[in-house]
N, C-alpha and C. Protein backbone atom coordinates (compact mmCIF):
# COMPACT_ATOMS: atom_id res chain seq x y z
N PRO A 1 0.82 -1.20 0.00
CA PRO A 1 0.00 0.00 0.00
C PRO A 1 0.86 1.25 0.00
N ALA A 2 0.28 2.34 -0.51
CA ALA A 2 1.02 3.60 -0.63
C ALA A 2 1.30 4.23 0.72
N GLU A 3 0.50 3.90 1.76
CA GLU A 3 0.67 4.52 3.06
C GLU A 3 2.02 4.20 3.69
N GLN A 4 2.57 3.02 3.41
CA GLN A 4 3.82 2.64 4.06
C GLN A 4 5.03 3.37 3.47
N TYR A 5 4.89 3.96 2.29
CA TYR A 5 6.01 4.67 1.67
C TYR A 5 6.00 6.16 1.98
N GLY A 6 5.02 6.64 2.65
CA GLY A 6 4.98 8.04 3.03
C GLY A 6 4.47 8.92 1.92
N ASP A 7 4.85 10.20 1.99
CA ASP A 7 4.35 11.15 1.00
C ASP A 7 5.18 11.11 -0.29
N LYS A 8 4.82 11.99 -1.22
CA LYS A 8 5.47 12.00 -2.53
C LYS A 8 6.93 12.44 -2.45
N GLY A 9 7.33 13.12 -1.39
CA GLY A 9 8.72 13.56 -1.22
C GLY A 9 9.69 12.40 -1.08
N ASP A 10 9.17 11.22 -0.72
CA ASP A 10 10.04 10.06 -0.57
C ASP A 10 10.51 9.51 -1.90
N PHE A 11 9.90 9.90 -2.99
CA PHE A 11 10.33 9.42 -4.31
C PHE A 11 11.80 9.79 -4.55
N LEU A 12 12.17 11.02 -4.20
CA LEU A 12 13.56 11.45 -4.36
C LEU A 12 14.48 10.63 -3.46
N HIS A 13 13.98 10.23 -2.32
CA HIS A 13 14.76 9.40 -1.40
C HIS A 13 15.17 8.08 -2.06
N TYR A 14 14.33 7.53 -2.90
CA TYR A 14 14.62 6.26 -3.57
C TYR A 14 15.38 6.45 -4.88
N VAL A 15 15.14 7.55 -5.55
CA VAL A 15 15.77 7.79 -6.85
C VAL A 15 17.19 8.35 -6.70
N TRP A 16 17.45 9.13 -5.66
CA TRP A 16 18.73 9.80 -5.50
C TRP A 16 19.92 8.83 -5.55
N PRO A 17 19.92 7.69 -4.85
CA PRO A 17 21.09 6.80 -4.95
C PRO A 17 21.35 6.31 -6.38
N LEU A 18 20.30 6.05 -7.14
CA LEU A 18 20.48 5.62 -8.52
C LEU A 18 21.06 6.75 -9.38
N LEU A 19 20.53 7.95 -9.19
CA LEU A 19 21.01 9.10 -9.93
C LEU A 19 22.46 9.42 -9.56
N TYR A 20 22.77 9.38 -8.27
CA TYR A 20 24.12 9.64 -7.80
C TYR A 20 25.11 8.61 -8.36
N GLY A 21 24.74 7.34 -8.35
CA GLY A 21 25.61 6.30 -8.89
C GLY A 21 25.87 6.47 -10.37
N THR A 22 24.85 6.86 -11.10
CA THR A 22 25.00 7.09 -12.53
C THR A 22 25.95 8.25 -12.81
N ILE A 23 25.77 9.34 -12.10
CA ILE A 23 26.63 10.52 -12.29
C ILE A 23 28.06 10.22 -11.86
N PHE A 24 28.22 9.49 -10.77
CA PHE A 24 29.56 9.16 -10.25
C PHE A 24 30.30 8.23 -11.22
N ALA A 25 29.62 7.21 -11.73
CA ALA A 25 30.24 6.30 -12.69
C ALA A 25 30.61 7.03 -13.97
N ALA A 26 29.76 7.95 -14.41
CA ALA A 26 30.05 8.73 -15.61
C ALA A 26 31.25 9.64 -15.39
N ALA A 27 31.36 10.23 -14.21
CA ALA A 27 32.51 11.09 -13.92
C ALA A 27 33.80 10.28 -13.91
N ILE A 28 33.77 9.10 -13.31
CA ILE A 28 34.95 8.23 -13.31
C ILE A 28 35.33 7.88 -14.75
N ALA A 29 34.36 7.56 -15.56
CA ALA A 29 34.62 7.17 -16.95
C ALA A 29 35.24 8.32 -17.74
N VAL A 30 34.72 9.52 -17.56
CA VAL A 30 35.26 10.66 -18.31
C VAL A 30 36.68 10.98 -17.85
N VAL A 31 36.94 10.89 -16.56
CA VAL A 31 38.29 11.16 -16.05
C VAL A 31 39.29 10.14 -16.61
N ILE A 32 38.88 8.90 -16.78
CA ILE A 32 39.78 7.88 -17.32
C ILE A 32 39.87 7.98 -18.84
N ALA A 33 38.75 8.08 -19.52
CA ALA A 33 38.73 7.92 -20.98
C ALA A 33 39.11 9.16 -21.76
N ALA A 34 38.71 10.34 -21.33
CA ALA A 34 38.92 11.54 -22.15
C ALA A 34 40.40 11.83 -22.41
N PRO A 35 41.26 11.89 -21.38
CA PRO A 35 42.67 12.16 -21.68
C PRO A 35 43.30 11.06 -22.53
N LEU A 36 42.95 9.84 -22.25
CA LEU A 36 43.49 8.72 -23.03
C LEU A 36 43.02 8.78 -24.48
N ALA A 37 41.77 9.10 -24.70
CA ALA A 37 41.22 9.20 -26.05
C ALA A 37 41.87 10.34 -26.83
N PHE A 38 42.06 11.48 -26.17
CA PHE A 38 42.70 12.61 -26.85
C PHE A 38 44.14 12.27 -27.21
N GLY A 39 44.83 11.57 -26.32
CA GLY A 39 46.20 11.16 -26.61
C GLY A 39 46.27 10.20 -27.79
N ILE A 40 45.39 9.20 -27.80
CA ILE A 40 45.38 8.24 -28.90
C ILE A 40 45.03 8.93 -30.21
N ALA A 41 44.05 9.82 -30.18
CA ALA A 41 43.66 10.54 -31.40
C ALA A 41 44.80 11.42 -31.90
N LEU A 42 45.52 12.03 -30.98
CA LEU A 42 46.63 12.88 -31.36
C LEU A 42 47.76 12.07 -31.99
N VAL A 43 48.05 10.91 -31.42
CA VAL A 43 49.09 10.05 -31.99
C VAL A 43 48.68 9.59 -33.39
N ILE A 44 47.44 9.17 -33.54
CA ILE A 44 46.99 8.68 -34.84
C ILE A 44 47.01 9.80 -35.89
N SER A 45 46.60 11.01 -35.49
CA SER A 45 46.47 12.08 -36.48
C SER A 45 47.75 12.84 -36.75
N HIS A 46 48.68 12.92 -35.77
CA HIS A 46 49.85 13.78 -35.95
C HIS A 46 51.20 13.11 -35.74
N TYR A 47 51.27 12.00 -35.07
CA TYR A 47 52.57 11.42 -34.76
C TYR A 47 52.86 10.11 -35.49
N ALA A 48 51.88 9.26 -35.63
CA ALA A 48 52.10 7.93 -36.21
C ALA A 48 52.33 8.03 -37.71
N PRO A 49 53.22 7.17 -38.24
CA PRO A 49 53.37 7.14 -39.70
C PRO A 49 52.09 6.60 -40.35
N LYS A 50 51.89 6.93 -41.62
CA LYS A 50 50.66 6.55 -42.32
C LYS A 50 50.44 5.04 -42.30
N SER A 51 51.52 4.26 -42.34
CA SER A 51 51.37 2.79 -42.35
C SER A 51 50.80 2.26 -41.04
N ILE A 52 50.95 3.00 -39.96
CA ILE A 52 50.39 2.59 -38.67
C ILE A 52 49.08 3.33 -38.39
N ALA A 53 49.01 4.60 -38.78
CA ALA A 53 47.83 5.42 -38.49
C ALA A 53 46.58 4.89 -39.17
N GLY A 54 46.71 4.41 -40.41
CA GLY A 54 45.53 3.90 -41.12
C GLY A 54 44.90 2.70 -40.44
N PRO A 55 45.68 1.62 -40.18
CA PRO A 55 45.09 0.47 -39.48
C PRO A 55 44.64 0.80 -38.05
N ALA A 56 45.36 1.69 -37.35
CA ALA A 56 44.95 2.06 -35.99
C ALA A 56 43.61 2.79 -36.02
N ALA A 57 43.44 3.70 -36.97
CA ALA A 57 42.17 4.41 -37.09
C ALA A 57 41.04 3.44 -37.43
N TYR A 58 41.33 2.48 -38.28
CA TYR A 58 40.33 1.47 -38.64
C TYR A 58 39.92 0.65 -37.41
N MET A 59 40.89 0.26 -36.58
CA MET A 59 40.58 -0.52 -35.37
C MET A 59 39.75 0.30 -34.38
N VAL A 60 40.07 1.57 -34.25
CA VAL A 60 39.29 2.43 -33.36
C VAL A 60 37.85 2.54 -33.85
N ASP A 61 37.69 2.69 -35.16
CA ASP A 61 36.33 2.77 -35.71
C ASP A 61 35.57 1.47 -35.52
N LEU A 62 36.25 0.34 -35.63
CA LEU A 62 35.60 -0.96 -35.38
C LEU A 62 35.18 -1.10 -33.92
N LEU A 63 36.04 -0.68 -33.00
CA LEU A 63 35.71 -0.77 -31.58
C LEU A 63 34.54 0.15 -31.21
N ALA A 64 34.41 1.27 -31.91
CA ALA A 64 33.29 2.18 -31.64
C ALA A 64 31.96 1.56 -32.04
N ALA A 65 31.99 0.54 -32.88
CA ALA A 65 30.75 -0.09 -33.34
C ALA A 65 30.31 -1.26 -32.47
N VAL A 66 31.10 -1.64 -31.47
CA VAL A 66 30.74 -2.76 -30.60
C VAL A 66 29.58 -2.33 -29.70
N PRO A 67 28.52 -3.14 -29.62
CA PRO A 67 27.37 -2.78 -28.78
C PRO A 67 27.74 -2.71 -27.29
N SER A 68 27.09 -1.81 -26.59
CA SER A 68 27.40 -1.61 -25.17
C SER A 68 27.06 -2.84 -24.33
N VAL A 69 26.12 -3.66 -24.77
CA VAL A 69 25.78 -4.88 -24.03
C VAL A 69 26.99 -5.82 -23.97
N VAL A 70 27.74 -5.88 -25.04
CA VAL A 70 28.92 -6.74 -25.08
C VAL A 70 29.94 -6.25 -24.06
N PHE A 71 30.17 -4.93 -24.01
CA PHE A 71 31.09 -4.38 -23.02
C PHE A 71 30.58 -4.64 -21.59
N GLY A 72 29.29 -4.49 -21.38
CA GLY A 72 28.73 -4.72 -20.05
C GLY A 72 28.88 -6.15 -19.59
N LEU A 73 28.61 -7.10 -20.48
CA LEU A 73 28.78 -8.51 -20.11
C LEU A 73 30.24 -8.85 -19.86
N TRP A 74 31.14 -8.29 -20.67
CA TRP A 74 32.57 -8.49 -20.45
C TRP A 74 32.97 -7.93 -19.08
N GLY A 75 32.46 -6.76 -18.76
CA GLY A 75 32.79 -6.12 -17.49
C GLY A 75 32.32 -6.91 -16.29
N ILE A 76 31.10 -7.43 -16.35
CA ILE A 76 30.55 -8.14 -15.19
C ILE A 76 31.12 -9.55 -15.04
N ASN A 77 31.44 -10.20 -16.16
CA ASN A 77 31.90 -11.59 -16.09
C ASN A 77 33.41 -11.74 -16.09
N VAL A 78 34.15 -10.81 -16.69
CA VAL A 78 35.60 -10.97 -16.80
C VAL A 78 36.33 -9.92 -15.96
N LEU A 79 36.05 -8.66 -16.19
CA LEU A 79 36.80 -7.60 -15.53
C LEU A 79 36.55 -7.56 -14.03
N ALA A 80 35.31 -7.68 -13.61
CA ALA A 80 34.99 -7.59 -12.18
C ALA A 80 35.72 -8.65 -11.37
N VAL A 81 35.82 -9.84 -11.91
CA VAL A 81 36.51 -10.93 -11.21
C VAL A 81 38.00 -10.62 -11.07
N ARG A 82 38.58 -10.03 -12.11
CA ARG A 82 40.02 -9.75 -12.10
C ARG A 82 40.37 -8.51 -11.27
N LEU A 83 39.40 -7.71 -10.91
CA LEU A 83 39.68 -6.50 -10.13
C LEU A 83 39.58 -6.72 -8.63
N VAL A 84 39.25 -7.92 -8.18
CA VAL A 84 39.12 -8.18 -6.75
C VAL A 84 40.46 -7.96 -6.04
N ASP A 85 41.53 -8.54 -6.56
CA ASP A 85 42.85 -8.37 -5.93
C ASP A 85 43.36 -6.93 -5.99
N PRO A 86 43.24 -6.22 -7.13
CA PRO A 86 43.64 -4.81 -7.11
C PRO A 86 42.83 -3.96 -6.12
N TYR A 87 41.55 -4.27 -5.94
CA TYR A 87 40.75 -3.53 -4.97
C TYR A 87 41.26 -3.79 -3.55
N ALA A 88 41.64 -5.03 -3.27
CA ALA A 88 42.20 -5.33 -1.95
C ALA A 88 43.51 -4.58 -1.74
N TRP A 89 44.35 -4.50 -2.78
CA TRP A 89 45.61 -3.78 -2.68
C TRP A 89 45.35 -2.28 -2.47
N LEU A 90 44.41 -1.72 -3.21
CA LEU A 90 44.07 -0.31 -3.05
C LEU A 90 43.55 -0.03 -1.63
N HIS A 91 42.75 -0.94 -1.10
CA HIS A 91 42.24 -0.76 0.26
C HIS A 91 43.39 -0.84 1.27
N GLU A 92 44.31 -1.74 1.04
CA GLU A 92 45.42 -1.92 1.97
C GLU A 92 46.35 -0.70 1.98
N HIS A 93 46.62 -0.12 0.83
CA HIS A 93 47.59 0.97 0.75
C HIS A 93 46.99 2.37 0.71
N PHE A 94 45.75 2.49 0.29
CA PHE A 94 45.14 3.81 0.13
C PHE A 94 43.82 3.95 0.88
N SER A 95 43.64 3.25 1.96
CA SER A 95 42.38 3.34 2.68
C SER A 95 42.20 4.68 3.37
N TRP A 96 43.24 5.48 3.43
CA TRP A 96 43.12 6.83 3.99
C TRP A 96 42.35 7.76 3.05
N ILE A 97 42.22 7.36 1.78
CA ILE A 97 41.38 8.11 0.84
C ILE A 97 39.96 7.56 0.97
N PRO A 98 38.98 8.41 1.19
CA PRO A 98 37.62 7.91 1.42
C PRO A 98 37.08 7.01 0.30
N PHE A 99 37.55 7.22 -0.92
CA PHE A 99 37.08 6.41 -2.05
C PHE A 99 37.46 4.94 -1.88
N PHE A 100 38.57 4.66 -1.21
CA PHE A 100 39.04 3.28 -1.03
C PHE A 100 38.86 2.79 0.40
N ALA A 101 38.19 3.55 1.25
CA ALA A 101 37.94 3.12 2.62
C ALA A 101 36.83 2.08 2.64
N GLY A 102 36.73 1.37 3.72
CA GLY A 102 35.72 0.32 3.82
C GLY A 102 36.25 -0.98 3.27
N PRO A 103 35.55 -2.06 3.56
CA PRO A 103 36.05 -3.36 3.11
C PRO A 103 36.00 -3.48 1.59
N PRO A 104 37.04 -4.10 0.99
CA PRO A 104 37.02 -4.27 -0.47
C PRO A 104 35.95 -5.28 -0.89
N SER A 105 35.49 -5.13 -2.10
CA SER A 105 34.43 -5.99 -2.63
C SER A 105 34.96 -7.40 -2.87
N ALA A 106 34.18 -8.39 -2.51
CA ALA A 106 34.56 -9.78 -2.76
C ALA A 106 34.21 -10.22 -4.17
N THR A 107 33.33 -9.48 -4.84
CA THR A 107 32.93 -9.84 -6.21
C THR A 107 33.55 -8.92 -7.26
N GLY A 108 34.05 -7.76 -6.86
CA GLY A 108 34.60 -6.81 -7.81
C GLY A 108 33.55 -5.95 -8.47
N ARG A 109 32.31 -6.12 -8.14
CA ARG A 109 31.23 -5.35 -8.75
C ARG A 109 30.99 -4.08 -7.94
N THR A 110 31.76 -3.06 -8.29
CA THR A 110 31.70 -1.79 -7.57
C THR A 110 31.43 -0.66 -8.56
N ILE A 111 31.28 0.53 -8.02
CA ILE A 111 31.08 1.70 -8.86
C ILE A 111 32.33 1.99 -9.67
N LEU A 112 33.51 1.67 -9.13
CA LEU A 112 34.75 1.85 -9.88
C LEU A 112 34.81 0.91 -11.08
N THR A 113 34.36 -0.31 -10.91
CA THR A 113 34.29 -1.25 -12.03
C THR A 113 33.33 -0.74 -13.09
N ALA A 114 32.20 -0.23 -12.66
CA ALA A 114 31.24 0.34 -13.61
C ALA A 114 31.85 1.52 -14.36
N GLY A 115 32.60 2.36 -13.65
CA GLY A 115 33.26 3.49 -14.30
C GLY A 115 34.32 3.05 -15.29
N ILE A 116 35.07 2.00 -14.97
CA ILE A 116 36.09 1.49 -15.88
C ILE A 116 35.44 0.90 -17.13
N VAL A 117 34.39 0.13 -16.95
CA VAL A 117 33.70 -0.45 -18.11
C VAL A 117 33.10 0.65 -18.98
N LEU A 118 32.53 1.66 -18.36
CA LEU A 118 31.99 2.79 -19.12
C LEU A 118 33.10 3.54 -19.84
N ALA A 119 34.27 3.65 -19.21
CA ALA A 119 35.41 4.30 -19.87
C ALA A 119 35.85 3.51 -21.09
N VAL A 120 35.86 2.19 -20.99
CA VAL A 120 36.22 1.36 -22.14
C VAL A 120 35.17 1.52 -23.24
N MET A 121 33.92 1.69 -22.87
CA MET A 121 32.85 1.89 -23.85
C MET A 121 32.99 3.20 -24.61
N ILE A 122 33.29 4.28 -23.90
CA ILE A 122 33.30 5.59 -24.55
C ILE A 122 34.63 5.93 -25.19
N LEU A 123 35.69 5.21 -24.84
CA LEU A 123 37.02 5.51 -25.37
C LEU A 123 37.09 5.50 -26.89
N PRO A 124 36.60 4.47 -27.59
CA PRO A 124 36.72 4.51 -29.05
C PRO A 124 35.88 5.59 -29.71
N ILE A 125 34.75 5.93 -29.13
CA ILE A 125 33.89 6.96 -29.72
C ILE A 125 34.57 8.32 -29.61
N ILE A 126 35.08 8.65 -28.43
CA ILE A 126 35.77 9.93 -28.24
C ILE A 126 37.02 9.98 -29.12
N THR A 127 37.74 8.86 -29.20
CA THR A 127 38.96 8.82 -30.00
C THR A 127 38.66 9.05 -31.48
N ALA A 128 37.66 8.36 -32.01
CA ALA A 128 37.34 8.49 -33.44
C ALA A 128 36.92 9.91 -33.80
N ILE A 129 36.08 10.51 -32.97
CA ILE A 129 35.62 11.87 -33.27
C ILE A 129 36.77 12.87 -33.12
N SER A 130 37.57 12.72 -32.06
CA SER A 130 38.69 13.64 -31.84
C SER A 130 39.72 13.52 -32.95
N ARG A 131 39.97 12.32 -33.43
CA ARG A 131 40.93 12.13 -34.52
C ARG A 131 40.48 12.90 -35.76
N GLU A 132 39.20 12.81 -36.07
CA GLU A 132 38.69 13.54 -37.23
C GLU A 132 38.78 15.06 -37.04
N ILE A 133 38.53 15.52 -35.83
CA ILE A 133 38.60 16.95 -35.55
C ILE A 133 40.04 17.44 -35.61
N PHE A 134 40.98 16.67 -35.04
CA PHE A 134 42.39 17.06 -35.10
C PHE A 134 42.89 17.11 -36.54
N ALA A 135 42.43 16.20 -37.36
CA ALA A 135 42.88 16.15 -38.75
C ALA A 135 42.34 17.32 -39.56
N GLN A 136 41.30 18.00 -39.09
CA GLN A 136 40.72 19.11 -39.83
C GLN A 136 41.34 20.46 -39.48
N THR A 137 42.33 20.45 -38.60
CA THR A 137 43.03 21.70 -38.29
C THR A 137 43.67 22.21 -39.58
N PRO A 138 43.51 23.50 -39.90
CA PRO A 138 44.09 24.01 -41.14
C PRO A 138 45.60 23.76 -41.21
N ARG A 139 46.02 23.18 -42.30
CA ARG A 139 47.43 22.83 -42.48
C ARG A 139 48.31 24.08 -42.46
N LEU A 140 47.81 25.18 -42.98
CA LEU A 140 48.59 26.42 -42.98
C LEU A 140 48.89 26.91 -41.56
N HIS A 141 47.95 26.72 -40.63
CA HIS A 141 48.20 27.11 -39.24
C HIS A 141 49.32 26.27 -38.64
N GLU A 142 49.26 24.97 -38.90
CA GLU A 142 50.30 24.08 -38.38
C GLU A 142 51.66 24.44 -38.98
N GLU A 143 51.71 24.65 -40.28
CA GLU A 143 52.98 24.97 -40.95
C GLU A 143 53.51 26.33 -40.51
N ALA A 144 52.62 27.26 -40.26
CA ALA A 144 53.06 28.58 -39.80
C ALA A 144 53.70 28.48 -38.42
N ALA A 145 53.11 27.70 -37.53
CA ALA A 145 53.70 27.53 -36.20
C ALA A 145 55.05 26.85 -36.29
N LEU A 146 55.18 25.84 -37.13
CA LEU A 146 56.46 25.17 -37.30
C LEU A 146 57.49 26.10 -37.94
N ALA A 147 57.06 26.94 -38.88
CA ALA A 147 57.98 27.87 -39.53
C ALA A 147 58.50 28.93 -38.56
N LEU A 148 57.72 29.25 -37.56
CA LEU A 148 58.16 30.23 -36.55
C LEU A 148 59.06 29.61 -35.49
N GLY A 149 59.35 28.33 -35.63
CA GLY A 149 60.30 27.68 -34.72
C GLY A 149 59.67 26.87 -33.61
N ALA A 150 58.39 26.64 -33.66
CA ALA A 150 57.73 25.85 -32.62
C ALA A 150 58.07 24.37 -32.80
N THR A 151 58.20 23.67 -31.70
CA THR A 151 58.37 22.23 -31.77
C THR A 151 57.03 21.60 -32.17
N ARG A 152 57.04 20.33 -32.42
CA ARG A 152 55.78 19.69 -32.82
C ARG A 152 54.74 19.79 -31.70
N TRP A 153 55.16 19.57 -30.46
CA TRP A 153 54.22 19.67 -29.35
C TRP A 153 53.70 21.10 -29.19
N GLU A 154 54.59 22.10 -29.33
CA GLU A 154 54.14 23.50 -29.25
C GLU A 154 53.17 23.83 -30.37
N MET A 155 53.43 23.29 -31.56
CA MET A 155 52.52 23.51 -32.68
C MET A 155 51.15 22.92 -32.37
N ILE A 156 51.12 21.73 -31.80
CA ILE A 156 49.85 21.09 -31.45
C ILE A 156 49.14 21.89 -30.37
N ARG A 157 49.90 22.33 -29.38
CA ARG A 157 49.31 23.10 -28.28
C ARG A 157 48.78 24.46 -28.74
N MET A 158 49.47 25.09 -29.72
CA MET A 158 49.07 26.44 -30.14
C MET A 158 48.07 26.45 -31.30
N THR A 159 48.01 25.38 -32.09
CA THR A 159 47.11 25.40 -33.25
C THR A 159 46.03 24.34 -33.19
N VAL A 160 46.40 23.10 -32.90
CA VAL A 160 45.43 22.00 -32.96
C VAL A 160 44.44 22.08 -31.80
N PHE A 161 44.93 22.21 -30.58
CA PHE A 161 44.02 22.22 -29.43
C PHE A 161 43.06 23.40 -29.43
N PRO A 162 43.52 24.64 -29.69
CA PRO A 162 42.53 25.73 -29.74
C PRO A 162 41.50 25.54 -30.85
N TYR A 163 41.93 25.04 -31.99
CA TYR A 163 41.01 24.83 -33.10
C TYR A 163 39.98 23.74 -32.76
N ALA A 164 40.41 22.71 -32.03
CA ALA A 164 39.57 21.54 -31.79
C ALA A 164 38.89 21.54 -30.42
N ARG A 165 39.06 22.59 -29.63
CA ARG A 165 38.55 22.57 -28.24
C ARG A 165 37.06 22.27 -28.16
N SER A 166 36.24 22.96 -28.94
CA SER A 166 34.80 22.72 -28.87
C SER A 166 34.45 21.31 -29.38
N GLY A 167 35.19 20.83 -30.37
CA GLY A 167 34.97 19.48 -30.86
C GLY A 167 35.36 18.42 -29.85
N MET A 168 36.40 18.70 -29.06
CA MET A 168 36.82 17.75 -28.03
C MET A 168 35.75 17.65 -26.93
N VAL A 169 35.18 18.78 -26.56
CA VAL A 169 34.09 18.77 -25.56
C VAL A 169 32.89 18.03 -26.14
N SER A 170 32.57 18.30 -27.38
CA SER A 170 31.43 17.63 -28.02
C SER A 170 31.67 16.13 -28.14
N ALA A 171 32.88 15.73 -28.49
CA ALA A 171 33.21 14.30 -28.58
C ALA A 171 33.05 13.62 -27.24
N THR A 172 33.47 14.29 -26.18
CA THR A 172 33.33 13.71 -24.85
C THR A 172 31.87 13.55 -24.46
N MET A 173 31.07 14.57 -24.72
CA MET A 173 29.65 14.49 -24.40
C MET A 173 28.93 13.45 -25.25
N LEU A 174 29.28 13.37 -26.52
CA LEU A 174 28.67 12.38 -27.38
C LEU A 174 29.07 10.96 -26.96
N GLY A 175 30.33 10.78 -26.62
CA GLY A 175 30.78 9.46 -26.14
C GLY A 175 30.07 9.06 -24.86
N LEU A 176 29.91 10.02 -23.98
CA LEU A 176 29.25 9.72 -22.71
C LEU A 176 27.78 9.44 -22.93
């Protein structure tokens, strides 16, 4: 009966843990996947030779097409089991951090595991979109920075990143 659940204000009481877990897992995933995806996209678009960049880009595009159910089943059946020992190690050495306090999970099915699986899911999508955005940086801007004496990293920092900043944010949001 509805009387045992109290008034309508209790709905938030039941929904909040689910909403909080979703937001927390998504934040963990973005913190793990976004820098890694930008790095991979940068290597594919600006550092790797064409003989490696072509197949690497193709593999990233193939991984972006894998259904999320496959990643979820892999995470719950394979990854979670293998993360039990690392979670125990993290608890033993870093229990002073509230995130690792409390007893470690015996099954490995934690919010951190969910965040890692979500990071693996969004990594190829962010990488593929970022690679395309980095490749669209005007070649004249890149050559001008190099002609002024910038190193390759300085050229990327001064031309590619400012040009692609909004696309990088969009790629992250789309991946998530």
